[in-house]
Amino acid sequence: SFSKGQKGSSAMPHKRNPISSENICGCSRVMRGYMHT
């Protein structure tokens, strides 16, 4: 979902990016790092 007022890109006004899903992917990498420790 893309809320009113949300911005997808500082340069490209048309962008609607899957930023939350990308966030989840990045956080998962951190979690696997904790597992190694």
PDB file of all heavy atoms in Angstrom:
ATOM      1  N   SER A   1       0.842  -1.191   0.000  1.00  0.00           N
ATOM      2  CA  SER A   1       0.000   0.000   0.000  1.00  0.00           C
ATOM      3  C   SER A   1       0.883   1.249   0.000  1.00  0.00           C
ATOM      4  O   SER A   1       1.981   1.253   0.559  1.00  0.00           O
ATOM      5  CB  SER A   1      -0.931   0.002   1.208  1.00  0.00           C
ATOM      6  OG  SER A   1      -0.180   0.059   2.415  1.00  0.00           O
ATOM      7  N   PHE A   2       0.400   2.282  -0.616  1.00  0.00           N
ATOM      8  CA  PHE A   2       1.139   3.537  -0.756  1.00  0.00           C
ATOM      9  C   PHE A   2       0.266   4.648  -0.209  1.00  0.00           C
ATOM     10  O   PHE A   2      -0.760   4.997  -0.782  1.00  0.00           O
ATOM     11  CB  PHE A   2       1.479   3.786  -2.230  1.00  0.00           C
ATOM     12  CG  PHE A   2       2.580   4.781  -2.461  1.00  0.00           C
ATOM     13  CD1 PHE A   2       3.911   4.396  -2.366  1.00  0.00           C
ATOM     14  CD2 PHE A   2       2.285   6.096  -2.779  1.00  0.00           C
ATOM     15  CE1 PHE A   2       4.935   5.306  -2.593  1.00  0.00           C
ATOM     16  CE2 PHE A   2       3.296   7.014  -3.003  1.00  0.00           C
ATOM     17  CZ  PHE A   2       4.633   6.619  -2.913  1.00  0.00           C
ATOM     18  N   SER A   3       0.637   5.175   0.935  1.00  0.00           N
ATOM     19  CA  SER A   3      -0.209   6.135   1.630  1.00  0.00           C
ATOM     20  C   SER A   3      -0.123   7.522   1.009  1.00  0.00           C
ATOM     21  O   SER A   3       0.849   7.865   0.317  1.00  0.00           O
ATOM     22  CB  SER A   3       0.166   6.200   3.105  1.00  0.00           C
ATOM     23  OG  SER A   3       1.515   6.586   3.261  1.00  0.00           O
ATOM     24  N   LYS A   4      -1.134   8.330   1.257  1.00  0.00           N
ATOM     25  CA  LYS A   4      -1.159   9.711   0.791  1.00  0.00           C
ATOM     26  C   LYS A   4       0.004  10.481   1.396  1.00  0.00           C
ATOM     27  O   LYS A   4       0.227  10.466   2.598  1.00  0.00           O
ATOM     28  CB  LYS A   4      -2.489  10.365   1.159  1.00  0.00           C
ATOM     29  CG  LYS A   4      -2.658  11.766   0.595  1.00  0.00           C
ATOM     30  CD  LYS A   4      -4.009  12.352   0.950  1.00  0.00           C
ATOM     31  CE  LYS A   4      -4.157  13.754   0.365  1.00  0.00           C
ATOM     32  NZ  LYS A   4      -5.471  14.354   0.727  1.00  0.00           N
ATOM     33  N   GLY A   5       0.751  11.132   0.545  1.00  0.00           N
ATOM     34  CA  GLY A   5       1.907  11.897   1.011  1.00  0.00           C
ATOM     35  C   GLY A   5       3.203  11.113   1.017  1.00  0.00           C
ATOM     36  O   GLY A   5       4.280  11.693   1.197  1.00  0.00           O
ATOM     37  N   GLN A   6       3.120   9.784   0.858  1.00  0.00           N
ATOM     38  CA  GLN A   6       4.318   8.961   0.827  1.00  0.00           C
ATOM     39  C   GLN A   6       5.138   9.271  -0.421  1.00  0.00           C
ATOM     40  O   GLN A   6       4.603   9.577  -1.486  1.00  0.00           O
ATOM     41  CB  GLN A   6       3.951   7.474   0.863  1.00  0.00           C
ATOM     42  CG  GLN A   6       5.148   6.535   0.946  1.00  0.00           C
ATOM     43  CD  GLN A   6       4.742   5.082   1.080  1.00  0.00           C
ATOM     44  OE1 GLN A   6       3.632   4.772   1.516  1.00  0.00           O
ATOM     45  NE2 GLN A   6       5.608   4.153   0.714  1.00  0.00           N
ATOM     46  N   LYS A   7       6.444   9.161  -0.307  1.00  0.00           N
ATOM     47  CA  LYS A   7       7.345   9.411  -1.421  1.00  0.00           C
ATOM     48  C   LYS A   7       8.139   8.153  -1.723  1.00  0.00           C
ATOM     49  O   LYS A   7       8.660   7.511  -0.816  1.00  0.00           O
ATOM     50  CB  LYS A   7       8.293  10.580  -1.111  1.00  0.00           C
ATOM     51  CG  LYS A   7       7.583  11.883  -0.728  1.00  0.00           C
ATOM     52  CD  LYS A   7       6.785  12.459  -1.869  1.00  0.00           C
ATOM     53  CE  LYS A   7       6.188  13.822  -1.526  1.00  0.00           C
ATOM     54  NZ  LYS A   7       5.001  13.712  -0.641  1.00  0.00           N
ATOM     55  N   GLY A   8       8.231   7.821  -3.010  1.00  0.00           N
ATOM     56  CA  GLY A   8       8.974   6.631  -3.410  1.00  0.00           C
ATOM     57  C   GLY A   8      10.413   6.901  -3.759  1.00  0.00           C
ATOM     58  O   GLY A   8      11.271   6.052  -3.618  1.00  0.00           O
ATOM     59  N   SER A   9      10.695   8.093  -4.244  1.00  0.00           N
ATOM     60  CA  SER A   9      12.055   8.444  -4.654  1.00  0.00           C
ATOM     61  C   SER A   9      12.235   9.942  -4.521  1.00  0.00           C
ATOM     62  O   SER A   9      11.316  10.721  -4.784  1.00  0.00           O
ATOM     63  CB  SER A   9      12.304   8.010  -6.105  1.00  0.00           C
ATOM     64  OG  SER A   9      13.474   8.614  -6.643  1.00  0.00           O
ATOM     65  N   SER A  10      13.433  10.357  -4.135  1.00  0.00           N
ATOM     66  CA  SER A  10      13.729  11.784  -4.062  1.00  0.00           C
ATOM     67  C   SER A  10      13.912  12.395  -5.444  1.00  0.00           C
ATOM     68  O   SER A  10      13.806  13.616  -5.609  1.00  0.00           O
ATOM     69  CB  SER A  10      14.985  12.025  -3.219  1.00  0.00           C
ATOM     70  OG  SER A  10      16.120  11.410  -3.836  1.00  0.00           O
ATOM     71  N   ALA A  11      14.197  11.547  -6.444  1.00  0.00           N
ATOM     72  CA  ALA A  11      14.466  12.034  -7.804  1.00  0.00           C
ATOM     73  C   ALA A  11      13.348  11.750  -8.792  1.00  0.00           C
ATOM     74  O   ALA A  11      13.158  12.501  -9.752  1.00  0.00           O
ATOM     75  CB  ALA A  11      15.766  11.406  -8.315  1.00  0.00           C
ATOM     76  N   MET A  12      12.603  10.653  -8.568  1.00  0.00           N
ATOM     77  CA  MET A  12      11.607  10.197  -9.541  1.00  0.00           C
ATOM     78  C   MET A  12      10.228  10.180  -8.905  1.00  0.00           C
ATOM     79  O   MET A  12       9.891   9.246  -8.167  1.00  0.00           O
ATOM     80  CB  MET A  12      11.996   8.810 -10.053  1.00  0.00           C
ATOM     81  CG  MET A  12      13.327   8.779 -10.797  1.00  0.00           C
ATOM     82  SD  MET A  12      13.973   7.099 -11.038  1.00  0.00           S
ATOM     83  CE  MET A  12      14.595   6.727  -9.384  1.00  0.00           C
ATOM     84  N   PRO A  13       9.400  11.185  -9.178  1.00  0.00           N
ATOM     85  CA  PRO A  13       8.103  11.299  -8.514  1.00  0.00           C
ATOM     86  C   PRO A  13       7.141  10.142  -8.758  1.00  0.00           C
ATOM     87  O   PRO A  13       6.209   9.954  -7.987  1.00  0.00           O
ATOM     88  CB  PRO A  13       7.541  12.613  -9.088  1.00  0.00           C
ATOM     89  CG  PRO A  13       8.738  13.392  -9.512  1.00  0.00           C
ATOM     90  CD  PRO A  13       9.708  12.368 -10.011  1.00  0.00           C
ATOM     91  N   HIS A  14       7.377   9.369  -9.822  1.00  0.00           N
ATOM     92  CA  HIS A  14       6.441   8.287 -10.139  1.00  0.00           C
ATOM     93  C   HIS A  14       6.679   7.018  -9.321  1.00  0.00           C
ATOM     94  O   HIS A  14       5.834   6.113  -9.329  1.00  0.00           O
ATOM     95  CB  HIS A  14       6.570   7.924 -11.630  1.00  0.00           C
ATOM     96  CG  HIS A  14       7.862   7.248 -11.976  1.00  0.00           C
ATOM     97  ND1 HIS A  14       9.029   7.939 -12.179  1.00  0.00           N
ATOM     98  CD2 HIS A  14       8.185   5.924 -12.136  1.00  0.00           C
ATOM     99  CE1 HIS A  14      10.001   7.087 -12.471  1.00  0.00           C
ATOM    100  NE2 HIS A  14       9.523   5.862 -12.440  1.00  0.00           N
ATOM    101  N   LYS A  15       7.789   6.922  -8.595  1.00  0.00           N
ATOM    102  CA  LYS A  15       8.188   5.657  -7.986  1.00  0.00           C
ATOM    103  C   LYS A  15       7.285   5.239  -6.825  1.00  0.00           C
ATOM    104  O   LYS A  15       6.945   6.027  -5.958  1.00  0.00           O
ATOM    105  CB  LYS A  15       9.632   5.731  -7.486  1.00  0.00           C
ATOM    106  CG  LYS A  15      10.693   5.850  -8.583  1.00  0.00           C
ATOM    107  CD  LYS A  15      10.710   4.656  -9.523  1.00  0.00           C
ATOM    108  CE  LYS A  15      11.230   3.401  -8.885  1.00  0.00           C
ATOM    109  NZ  LYS A  15      12.609   3.458  -8.383  1.00  0.00           N
ATOM    110  N   ARG A  16       6.916   3.941  -6.804  1.00  0.00           N
ATOM    111  CA  ARG A  16       6.219   3.270  -5.700  1.00  0.00           C
ATOM    112  C   ARG A  16       7.017   2.007  -5.412  1.00  0.00           C
ATOM    113  O   ARG A  16       6.830   0.986  -6.073  1.00  0.00           O
ATOM    114  CB  ARG A  16       4.784   2.943  -6.082  1.00  0.00           C
ATOM    115  CG  ARG A  16       3.924   4.174  -6.345  1.00  0.00           C
ATOM    116  CD  ARG A  16       2.666   3.814  -7.134  1.00  0.00           C
ATOM    117  NE  ARG A  16       1.748   2.950  -6.403  1.00  0.00           N
ATOM    118  CZ  ARG A  16       0.648   3.363  -5.799  1.00  0.00           C
ATOM    119  NH1 ARG A  16       0.337   4.668  -5.822  1.00  0.00           N
ATOM    120  NH2 ARG A  16      -0.155   2.512  -5.178  1.00  0.00           N
ATOM    121  N   ASN A  17       7.894   2.081  -4.441  1.00  0.00           N
ATOM    122  CA  ASN A  17       8.857   1.018  -4.189  1.00  0.00           C
ATOM    123  C   ASN A  17       8.418   0.096  -3.053  1.00  0.00           C
ATOM    124  O   ASN A  17       7.785   0.550  -2.095  1.00  0.00           O
ATOM    125  CB  ASN A  17      10.224   1.612  -3.849  1.00  0.00           C
ATOM    126  CG  ASN A  17      10.740   2.524  -4.937  1.00  0.00           C
ATOM    127  OD1 ASN A  17      10.556   2.273  -6.123  1.00  0.00           O
ATOM    128  ND2 ASN A  17      11.400   3.607  -4.547  1.00  0.00           N
ATOM    129  N   PRO A  18       8.777  -1.192  -3.114  1.00  0.00           N
ATOM    130  CA  PRO A  18       8.433  -2.143  -2.039  1.00  0.00           C
ATOM    131  C   PRO A  18       9.389  -2.018  -0.861  1.00  0.00           C
ATOM    132  O   PRO A  18      10.063  -2.986  -0.472  1.00  0.00           O
ATOM    133  CB  PRO A  18       8.543  -3.497  -2.739  1.00  0.00           C
ATOM    134  CG  PRO A  18       9.623  -3.299  -3.750  1.00  0.00           C
ATOM    135  CD  PRO A  18       9.472  -1.867  -4.238  1.00  0.00           C
ATOM    136  N   ILE A  19       9.420  -0.836  -0.271  1.00  0.00           N
ATOM    137  CA  ILE A  19      10.443  -0.544   0.734  1.00  0.00           C
ATOM    138  C   ILE A  19      10.287  -1.375   1.998  1.00  0.00           C
ATOM    139  O   ILE A  19      11.268  -1.741   2.636  1.00  0.00           O
ATOM    140  CB  ILE A  19      10.467   0.958   1.093  1.00  0.00           C
ATOM    141  CG1 ILE A  19       9.096   1.414   1.605  1.00  0.00           C
ATOM    142  CG2 ILE A  19      10.905   1.780  -0.103  1.00  0.00           C
ATOM    143  CD1 ILE A  19       9.118   2.800   2.214  1.00  0.00           C
ATOM    144  N   SER A  20       9.046  -1.666   2.382  1.00  0.00           N
ATOM    145  CA  SER A  20       8.839  -2.436   3.606  1.00  0.00           C
ATOM    146  C   SER A  20       9.304  -3.877   3.443  1.00  0.00           C
ATOM    147  O   SER A  20       9.934  -4.452   4.336  1.00  0.00           O
ATOM    148  CB  SER A  20       7.366  -2.394   4.016  1.00  0.00           C
ATOM    149  OG  SER A  20       6.981  -1.096   4.409  1.00  0.00           O
ATOM    150  N   SER A  21       9.009  -4.464   2.292  1.00  0.00           N
ATOM    151  CA  SER A  21       9.467  -5.828   2.028  1.00  0.00           C
ATOM    152  C   SER A  21      10.986  -5.877   1.930  1.00  0.00           C
ATOM    153  O   SER A  21      11.618  -6.836   2.385  1.00  0.00           O
ATOM    154  CB  SER A  21       8.837  -6.354   0.736  1.00  0.00           C
ATOM    155  OG  SER A  21       7.431  -6.483   0.884  1.00  0.00           O
ATOM    156  N   GLU A  22      11.576  -4.861   1.345  1.00  0.00           N
ATOM    157  CA  GLU A  22      13.034  -4.793   1.280  1.00  0.00           C
ATOM    158  C   GLU A  22      13.619  -4.654   2.685  1.00  0.00           C
ATOM    159  O   GLU A  22      14.672  -5.229   2.986  1.00  0.00           O
ATOM    160  CB  GLU A  22      13.464  -3.621   0.394  1.00  0.00           C
ATOM    161  CG  GLU A  22      13.159  -3.843  -1.083  1.00  0.00           C
ATOM    162  CD  GLU A  22      13.380  -2.616  -1.931  1.00  0.00           C
ATOM    163  OE1 GLU A  22      13.472  -1.496  -1.387  1.00  0.00           O
ATOM    164  OE2 GLU A  22      13.450  -2.760  -3.165  1.00  0.00           O
ATOM    165  N   ASN A  23      12.941  -3.902   3.524  1.00  0.00           N
ATOM    166  CA  ASN A  23      13.361  -3.763   4.918  1.00  0.00           C
ATOM    167  C   ASN A  23      13.375  -5.112   5.620  1.00  0.00           C
ATOM    168  O   ASN A  23      14.321  -5.438   6.351  1.00  0.00           O
ATOM    169  CB  ASN A  23      12.425  -2.791   5.633  1.00  0.00           C
ATOM    170  CG  ASN A  23      12.647  -2.722   7.137  1.00  0.00           C
ATOM    171  OD1 ASN A  23      12.093  -3.518   7.884  1.00  0.00           O
ATOM    172  ND2 ASN A  23      13.458  -1.775   7.578  1.00  0.00           N
ATOM    173  N   ILE A  24      12.344  -5.902   5.399  1.00  0.00           N
ATOM    174  CA  ILE A  24      12.251  -7.230   6.009  1.00  0.00           C
ATOM    175  C   ILE A  24      13.408  -8.114   5.553  1.00  0.00           C
ATOM    176  O   ILE A  24      14.016  -8.839   6.350  1.00  0.00           O
ATOM    177  CB  ILE A  24      10.902  -7.889   5.678  1.00  0.00           C
ATOM    178  CG1 ILE A  24       9.745  -7.101   6.282  1.00  0.00           C
ATOM    179  CG2 ILE A  24      10.875  -9.346   6.147  1.00  0.00           C
ATOM    180  CD1 ILE A  24       9.762  -6.997   7.784  1.00  0.00           C
ATOM    181  N   CYS A  25      13.740  -8.050   4.276  1.00  0.00           N
ATOM    182  CA  CYS A  25      14.850  -8.847   3.749  1.00  0.00           C
ATOM    183  C   CYS A  25      16.171  -8.446   4.402  1.00  0.00           C
ATOM    184  O   CYS A  25      16.985  -9.305   4.758  1.00  0.00           O
ATOM    185  CB  CYS A  25      14.938  -8.695   2.229  1.00  0.00           C
ATOM    186  SG  CYS A  25      13.541  -9.449   1.333  1.00  0.00           S
ATOM    187  N   GLY A  26      16.387  -7.159   4.563  1.00  0.00           N
ATOM    188  CA  GLY A  26      17.611  -6.690   5.202  1.00  0.00           C
ATOM    189  C   GLY A  26      17.693  -7.083   6.665  1.00  0.00           C
ATOM    190  O   GLY A  26      18.743  -7.530   7.150  1.00  0.00           O
ATOM    191  N   CYS A  27      16.586  -6.937   7.386  1.00  0.00           N
ATOM    192  CA  CYS A  27      16.557  -7.303   8.805  1.00  0.00           C
ATOM    193  C   CYS A  27      16.798  -8.802   8.996  1.00  0.00           C
ATOM    194  O   CYS A  27      17.421  -9.216   9.979  1.00  0.00           O
ATOM    195  CB  CYS A  27      15.226  -6.902   9.431  1.00  0.00           C
ATOM    196  SG  CYS A  27      14.995  -5.116   9.630  1.00  0.00           S
ATOM    197  N   SER A  28      16.318  -9.601   8.072  1.00  0.00           N
ATOM    198  CA  SER A  28      16.519 -11.046   8.155  1.00  0.00           C
ATOM    199  C   SER A  28      17.998 -11.398   8.080  1.00  0.00           C
ATOM    200  O   SER A  28      18.463 -12.322   8.753  1.00  0.00           O
ATOM    201  CB  SER A  28      15.747 -11.749   7.029  1.00  0.00           C
ATOM    202  OG  SER A  28      15.923 -13.141   7.080  1.00  0.00           O
ATOM    203  N   ARG A  29      18.742 -10.667   7.283  1.00  0.00           N
ATOM    204  CA  ARG A  29      20.187 -10.897   7.203  1.00  0.00           C
ATOM    205  C   ARG A  29      20.858 -10.634   8.551  1.00  0.00           C
ATOM    206  O   ARG A  29      21.765 -11.366   8.954  1.00  0.00           O
ATOM    207  CB  ARG A  29      20.796 -10.006   6.124  1.00  0.00           C
ATOM    208  CG  ARG A  29      20.276 -10.291   4.721  1.00  0.00           C
ATOM    209  CD  ARG A  29      20.655  -9.192   3.739  1.00  0.00           C
ATOM    210  NE  ARG A  29      19.931  -9.343   2.487  1.00  0.00           N
ATOM    211  CZ  ARG A  29      19.931  -8.445   1.503  1.00  0.00           C
ATOM    212  NH1 ARG A  29      20.621  -7.327   1.658  1.00  0.00           N
ATOM    213  NH2 ARG A  29      19.235  -8.652   0.402  1.00  0.00           N
ATOM    214  N   VAL A  30      20.402  -9.595   9.230  1.00  0.00           N
ATOM    215  CA  VAL A  30      20.938  -9.284  10.547  1.00  0.00           C
ATOM    216  C   VAL A  30      20.632 -10.420  11.527  1.00  0.00           C
ATOM    217  O   VAL A  30      21.486 -10.830  12.320  1.00  0.00           O
ATOM    218  CB  VAL A  30      20.365  -7.951  11.071  1.00  0.00           C
ATOM    219  CG1 VAL A  30      20.845  -7.684  12.495  1.00  0.00           C
ATOM    220  CG2 VAL A  30      20.768  -6.798  10.158  1.00  0.00           C
ATOM    221  N   MET A  31      19.415 -10.943  11.457  1.00  0.00           N
ATOM    222  CA  MET A  31      19.018 -12.038  12.350  1.00  0.00           C
ATOM    223  C   MET A  31      19.903 -13.262  12.160  1.00  0.00           C
ATOM    224  O   MET A  31      20.276 -13.929  13.123  1.00  0.00           O
ATOM    225  CB  MET A  31      17.560 -12.407  12.108  1.00  0.00           C
ATOM    226  CG  MET A  31      16.561 -11.382  12.631  1.00  0.00           C
ATOM    227  SD  MET A  31      16.515 -11.259  14.429  1.00  0.00           S
ATOM    228  CE  MET A  31      15.813 -12.836  14.835  1.00  0.00           C
ATOM    229  N   ARG A  32      20.246 -13.571  10.936  1.00  0.00           N
ATOM    230  CA  ARG A  32      21.119 -14.722  10.693  1.00  0.00           C
ATOM    231  C   ARG A  32      22.530 -14.458  11.207  1.00  0.00           C
ATOM    232  O   ARG A  32      23.246 -15.395  11.567  1.00  0.00           O
ATOM    233  CB  ARG A  32      21.113 -15.090   9.210  1.00  0.00           C
ATOM    234  CG  ARG A  32      19.782 -15.691   8.746  1.00  0.00           C
ATOM    235  CD  ARG A  32      19.860 -16.301   7.362  1.00  0.00           C
ATOM    236  NE  ARG A  32      20.049 -15.329   6.319  1.00  0.00           N
ATOM    237  CZ  ARG A  32      19.075 -14.646   5.724  1.00  0.00           C
ATOM    238  NH1 ARG A  32      17.817 -14.838   6.089  1.00  0.00           N
ATOM    239  NH2 ARG A  32      19.335 -13.783   4.767  1.00  0.00           N
ATOM    240  N   GLY A  33      22.917 -13.199  11.263  1.00  0.00           N
ATOM    241  CA  GLY A  33      24.184 -12.852  11.889  1.00  0.00           C
ATOM    242  C   GLY A  33      24.172 -13.141  13.386  1.00  0.00           C
ATOM    243  O   GLY A  33      25.154 -13.646  13.944  1.00  0.00           O
ATOM    244  N   TYR A  34      23.061 -12.834  14.043  1.00  0.00           N
ATOM    245  CA  TYR A  34      22.920 -13.164  15.462  1.00  0.00           C
ATOM    246  C   TYR A  34      23.017 -14.676  15.672  1.00  0.00           C
ATOM    247  O   TYR A  34      23.577 -15.136  16.674  1.00  0.00           O
ATOM    248  CB  TYR A  34      21.574 -12.672  15.999  1.00  0.00           C
ATOM    249  CG  TYR A  34      21.390 -11.172  16.020  1.00  0.00           C
ATOM    250  CD1 TYR A  34      20.121 -10.607  15.882  1.00  0.00           C
ATOM    251  CD2 TYR A  34      22.463 -10.311  16.182  1.00  0.00           C
ATOM    252  CE1 TYR A  34      19.927  -9.246  15.910  1.00  0.00           C
ATOM    253  CE2 TYR A  34      22.282  -8.935  16.215  1.00  0.00           C
ATOM    254  CZ  TYR A  34      21.010  -8.412  16.071  1.00  0.00           C
ATOM    255  OH  TYR A  34      20.822  -7.051  16.102  1.00  0.00           O
ATOM    256  N   MET A  35      22.433 -15.428  14.747  1.00  0.00           N
ATOM    257  CA  MET A  35      22.487 -16.889  14.855  1.00  0.00           C
ATOM    258  C   MET A  35      23.928 -17.381  14.849  1.00  0.00           C
ATOM    259  O   MET A  35      24.306 -18.234  15.659  1.00  0.00           O
ATOM    260  CB  MET A  35      21.706 -17.518  13.697  1.00  0.00           C
ATOM    261  CG  MET A  35      21.724 -19.037  13.685  1.00  0.00           C
ATOM    262  SD  MET A  35      20.776 -19.741  12.316  1.00  0.00           S
ATOM    263  CE  MET A  35      21.786 -19.244  10.912  1.00  0.00           C
ATOM    264  N   HIS A  36      24.730 -16.829  13.970  1.00  0.00           N
ATOM    265  CA  HIS A  36      26.140 -17.222  13.908  1.00  0.00           C
ATOM    266  C   HIS A  36      26.831 -16.941  15.236  1.00  0.00           C
ATOM    267  O   HIS A  36      27.570 -17.786  15.758  1.00  0.00           O
ATOM    268  CB  HIS A  36      26.847 -16.464  12.777  1.00  0.00           C
ATOM    269  CG  HIS A  36      28.319 -16.718  12.712  1.00  0.00           C
ATOM    270  ND1 HIS A  36      28.858 -17.855  12.160  1.00  0.00           N
ATOM    271  CD2 HIS A  36      29.375 -15.991  13.165  1.00  0.00           C
ATOM    272  CE1 HIS A  36      30.169 -17.815  12.254  1.00  0.00           C
ATOM    273  NE2 HIS A  36      30.513 -16.695  12.865  1.00  0.00           N
ATOM    274  N   THR A  37      26.578 -15.768  15.810  1.00  0.00           N
ATOM    275  CA  THR A  37      27.182 -15.405  17.092  1.00  0.00           C
ATOM    276  C   THR A  37      26.740 -16.360  18.194  1.00  0.00           C
ATOM    277  O   THR A  37      27.537 -16.765  19.039  1.00  0.00           O
ATOM    278  CB  THR A  37      26.810 -13.962  17.458  1.00  0.00           C
ATOM    279  OG1 THR A  37      27.254 -13.073  16.428  1.00  0.00           O
ATOM    280  CG2 THR A  37      27.441 -13.554  18.779  1.00  0.00           C
TER     281      THR A  37
END
